[in-house]
N, C-alpha and C. Protein backbone atom coordinates (compact mmCIF):
# COMPACT_ATOMS: atom_id res chain seq x y z
N MET A 1 116.99 187.15 75.48
CA MET A 1 117.04 186.20 76.34
C MET A 1 115.59 186.00 77.05
N LYS A 2 115.32 184.64 77.28
CA LYS A 2 113.95 184.20 77.98
C LYS A 2 114.14 184.82 79.65
N ALA A 3 113.00 185.28 79.84
CA ALA A 3 112.73 185.73 81.12
C ALA A 3 112.73 184.71 82.14
N ASP A 4 113.02 184.73 83.32
CA ASP A 4 113.09 183.92 84.42
C ASP A 4 113.64 182.36 84.22
N ILE A 5 114.68 182.45 83.64
CA ILE A 5 115.32 181.21 83.33
C ILE A 5 116.69 181.42 83.77
N HIS A 6 117.43 182.58 83.86
CA HIS A 6 118.75 182.91 84.37
C HIS A 6 119.03 183.12 85.60
N PRO A 7 119.95 182.70 86.50
CA PRO A 7 120.05 182.89 88.00
C PRO A 7 120.33 184.54 88.13
N ALA A 8 120.14 184.92 89.24
CA ALA A 8 120.33 186.30 89.46
C ALA A 8 121.68 186.64 89.85
N ASN A 9 122.20 187.83 89.27
CA ASN A 9 123.60 188.05 89.47
C ASN A 9 123.68 189.31 90.32
N HIS A 10 124.68 189.19 91.30
CA HIS A 10 124.72 190.17 92.47
C HIS A 10 126.12 190.67 92.32
N PRO A 11 126.23 192.05 92.78
CA PRO A 11 127.70 192.48 93.06
C PRO A 11 128.32 191.85 94.09
N VAL A 12 129.75 191.76 93.75
CA VAL A 12 130.42 190.64 94.85
C VAL A 12 131.79 191.37 94.84
N LEU A 13 132.28 191.32 96.20
CA LEU A 13 133.84 191.68 96.37
C LEU A 13 134.45 190.54 96.65
N PHE A 14 135.44 190.17 95.93
CA PHE A 14 136.30 189.03 96.03
C PHE A 14 137.45 189.29 96.60
N ILE A 15 138.01 188.43 97.66
CA ILE A 15 138.96 188.97 98.61
C ILE A 15 139.98 187.68 98.35
N ASP A 16 141.24 187.91 97.99
CA ASP A 16 142.37 186.94 98.00
C ASP A 16 143.36 187.46 98.78
N GLY A 17 143.59 187.22 99.77
CA GLY A 17 144.60 187.84 100.82
C GLY A 17 144.70 189.26 100.98
N ASP A 18 145.75 189.89 100.43
CA ASP A 18 145.71 191.37 100.55
C ASP A 18 144.85 192.06 99.25
N HIS A 19 144.57 191.23 98.17
CA HIS A 19 143.89 191.76 97.20
C HIS A 19 142.45 191.81 97.07
N GLU A 20 141.69 192.76 96.59
CA GLU A 20 140.09 192.94 96.53
C GLU A 20 139.81 193.41 95.19
N TRP A 21 138.75 192.81 94.59
CA TRP A 21 138.20 193.44 93.27
C TRP A 21 137.01 193.14 93.26
N VAL A 22 136.04 193.87 92.53
CA VAL A 22 134.58 194.02 92.38
C VAL A 22 134.34 193.31 91.08
N GLY A 23 133.45 192.55 91.27
CA GLY A 23 132.78 191.84 90.01
C GLY A 23 131.21 191.37 90.22
N VAL A 24 130.85 190.87 89.18
CA VAL A 24 129.33 190.39 89.35
C VAL A 24 129.19 188.86 89.42
N SER A 25 128.56 188.32 90.06
CA SER A 25 128.31 186.75 90.04
C SER A 25 127.21 186.15 90.73
N THR A 26 126.98 184.94 90.76
CA THR A 26 125.63 184.29 91.40
C THR A 26 126.04 184.08 92.77
N LEU A 27 127.09 184.03 93.03
CA LEU A 27 127.65 183.69 94.59
C LEU A 27 127.02 184.83 95.54
N THR A 28 126.59 184.44 96.80
CA THR A 28 126.34 185.26 97.87
C THR A 28 126.83 184.74 99.24
N SER A 29 126.96 185.61 100.03
CA SER A 29 127.46 185.33 101.31
C SER A 29 126.92 185.98 102.43
N ASN A 30 127.04 185.53 103.64
CA ASN A 30 126.47 186.25 104.77
C ASN A 30 127.14 187.58 104.96
N ASP A 31 128.44 187.85 104.54
CA ASP A 31 129.22 188.99 104.73
C ASP A 31 128.94 190.02 103.59
N THR A 32 128.83 191.20 104.07
CA THR A 32 128.45 192.30 103.02
C THR A 32 129.43 193.49 103.31
N LYS A 33 129.56 194.37 102.28
CA LYS A 33 130.40 195.45 102.42
C LYS A 33 129.86 196.49 101.55
N VAL A 34 129.60 197.97 101.94
CA VAL A 34 129.22 198.90 101.09
C VAL A 34 130.35 199.64 100.52
N ILE A 35 130.44 199.52 99.00
CA ILE A 35 131.35 200.27 98.23
C ILE A 35 130.57 201.14 97.50
N ASP A 36 131.16 202.63 97.39
CA ASP A 36 130.26 203.45 96.62
C ASP A 36 128.63 203.54 96.77
N GLY A 37 128.08 203.14 98.02
CA GLY A 37 126.81 203.22 97.85
C GLY A 37 126.13 201.92 97.48
N ILE A 38 126.89 201.09 97.17
CA ILE A 38 126.37 199.56 96.68
C ILE A 38 126.63 198.49 97.62
N THR A 39 125.85 197.74 97.94
CA THR A 39 126.00 196.63 99.11
C THR A 39 126.56 195.33 98.10
N HIS A 40 127.81 195.08 98.53
CA HIS A 40 128.46 194.00 97.92
C HIS A 40 128.65 192.83 98.70
N TYR A 41 128.36 191.40 98.21
CA TYR A 41 128.40 190.28 99.08
C TYR A 41 130.05 190.16 98.97
N VAL A 42 130.71 189.68 100.15
CA VAL A 42 132.08 189.42 100.27
C VAL A 42 132.44 188.00 100.17
N VAL A 43 133.06 187.80 99.22
CA VAL A 43 133.54 186.17 98.88
C VAL A 43 134.87 185.86 98.99
N PRO A 44 135.62 185.13 100.01
CA PRO A 44 136.85 184.98 99.90
C PRO A 44 137.17 183.77 99.04
N VAL A 45 138.51 183.87 98.37
CA VAL A 45 138.76 183.13 97.37
C VAL A 45 140.25 182.52 97.65
N ASP A 46 140.56 181.19 97.49
CA ASP A 46 141.75 180.75 97.91
C ASP A 46 142.84 181.07 96.90
N ILE A 47 142.47 180.94 95.72
CA ILE A 47 143.38 181.31 94.67
C ILE A 47 142.95 182.04 93.62
N SER A 48 143.72 183.02 92.89
CA SER A 48 143.44 183.96 91.97
C SER A 48 144.47 184.23 90.99
N ALA A 49 144.19 185.02 90.16
CA ALA A 49 145.37 185.39 89.31
C ALA A 49 146.59 186.22 90.10
N PHE A 50 146.14 186.76 91.20
CA PHE A 50 147.29 187.37 91.99
C PHE A 50 148.13 186.30 92.81
N SER A 51 147.64 185.16 93.12
CA SER A 51 148.38 184.30 93.85
C SER A 51 148.64 182.99 93.30
N HIS A 52 148.13 182.76 92.09
CA HIS A 52 148.44 181.45 91.30
C HIS A 52 149.95 181.46 90.82
N PRO A 53 150.40 180.19 91.04
CA PRO A 53 151.85 180.18 90.43
C PRO A 53 152.13 180.26 88.99
N PHE A 54 151.11 180.00 88.28
CA PHE A 54 151.24 180.44 86.76
C PHE A 54 151.37 181.95 86.47
N TYR A 55 150.52 182.67 87.07
CA TYR A 55 150.58 184.05 86.73
C TYR A 55 151.72 184.77 87.62
N THR A 56 152.10 184.21 88.92
CA THR A 56 153.15 185.01 89.63
C THR A 56 154.65 184.55 89.07
N GLY A 57 154.59 183.51 88.24
CA GLY A 57 156.13 183.18 87.96
C GLY A 57 156.79 182.19 88.82
N THR A 58 155.94 181.60 89.71
CA THR A 58 156.71 180.76 90.81
C THR A 58 156.24 179.28 90.54
N LYS A 59 156.18 179.04 89.31
CA LYS A 59 155.76 177.77 88.91
C LYS A 59 156.94 176.82 89.14
N ARG A 60 156.60 175.32 89.63
CA ARG A 60 157.66 174.66 89.72
C ARG A 60 158.01 173.74 88.55
N LEU A 61 159.20 173.34 88.33
CA LEU A 61 159.56 172.49 87.39
C LEU A 61 159.20 170.92 87.52
N VAL A 62 158.70 170.26 86.48
CA VAL A 62 158.00 168.99 86.63
C VAL A 62 159.05 168.01 86.15
N ASP A 63 159.44 167.09 86.66
CA ASP A 63 160.39 166.05 86.34
C ASP A 63 159.68 164.99 85.32
N THR A 64 159.22 165.43 84.08
CA THR A 64 158.49 164.34 83.06
C THR A 64 159.46 163.22 82.76
N ALA A 65 160.79 163.28 82.64
CA ALA A 65 161.57 162.10 82.34
C ALA A 65 161.18 160.97 83.46
N GLY A 66 161.31 161.43 84.65
CA GLY A 66 161.14 160.54 85.72
C GLY A 66 159.94 160.01 85.88
N ARG A 67 158.95 160.62 85.46
CA ARG A 67 157.48 160.03 85.40
C ARG A 67 157.52 158.83 84.18
N VAL A 68 158.09 159.38 83.04
CA VAL A 68 157.88 158.25 82.01
C VAL A 68 158.64 157.07 82.41
N GLU A 69 159.77 157.19 82.91
CA GLU A 69 160.48 155.88 83.47
C GLU A 69 159.76 155.11 84.37
N LYS A 70 159.11 155.81 85.38
CA LYS A 70 158.31 155.28 86.45
C LYS A 70 157.16 154.37 85.76
N PHE A 71 156.49 154.99 84.77
CA PHE A 71 155.49 154.42 84.02
C PHE A 71 156.05 153.22 83.37
N MET A 72 157.12 153.18 82.71
CA MET A 72 157.43 152.15 81.96
C MET A 72 157.91 151.03 82.91
N ARG A 73 158.28 151.16 84.02
CA ARG A 73 158.76 150.36 85.08
C ARG A 73 157.45 149.35 85.56
N ARG A 74 156.33 150.42 85.85
CA ARG A 74 155.15 149.55 86.34
C ARG A 74 154.54 148.97 84.94
N TYR A 75 154.17 149.62 84.22
CA TYR A 75 153.52 148.97 82.79
C TYR A 75 154.23 148.54 81.79
N GLY A 76 155.50 148.63 81.61
CA GLY A 76 156.11 148.32 80.37
C GLY A 76 156.13 146.76 79.81
N ASN A 77 155.95 145.87 81.06
CA ASN A 77 155.79 144.45 80.50
C ASN A 77 154.34 144.15 79.88
N GLN A 78 153.44 144.86 80.60
CA GLN A 78 151.96 144.76 80.08
C GLN A 78 152.00 145.20 78.75
N MET A 79 152.57 146.22 78.46
CA MET A 79 152.44 146.70 76.94
C MET A 79 153.13 145.86 75.88
N GLN A 80 154.15 145.19 76.45
CA GLN A 80 154.86 144.25 75.59
C GLN A 80 154.23 142.91 75.42
N ASN A 81 153.46 142.48 76.32
CA ASN A 81 152.82 141.38 76.49
C ASN A 81 151.31 141.43 75.59
N GLN A 82 150.79 142.64 75.51
CA GLN A 82 149.75 142.76 74.78
C GLN A 82 150.00 142.48 73.23
N GLY A 83 151.05 142.85 72.72
CA GLY A 83 151.19 142.48 71.19
C GLY A 83 151.26 140.75 71.10
N LYS A 84 151.69 140.28 72.15
CA LYS A 84 151.88 138.71 71.73
C LYS A 84 150.55 137.89 71.87
N LYS A 85 149.42 138.38 72.30
CA LYS A 85 148.30 137.82 72.15
C LYS A 85 147.72 137.45 71.14
């Protein structure tokens, strides 16, 4: 790797609600926490694998048939008229 072209990585503590995990990132913050003698930047995250609906199994069902019908109502006439030109 070339020297002095990559951003500096720091030890970071990510917090998502009740879940905390340690990682390395270029993110920094004003809050810090010492874990095992190492100072970590504390970065709160809104969503993670612990709270994302895909990973928790609480995903909602999408009504694709209704969306297609809505699209055809709006643009169906335009699509038919394009072939007549």
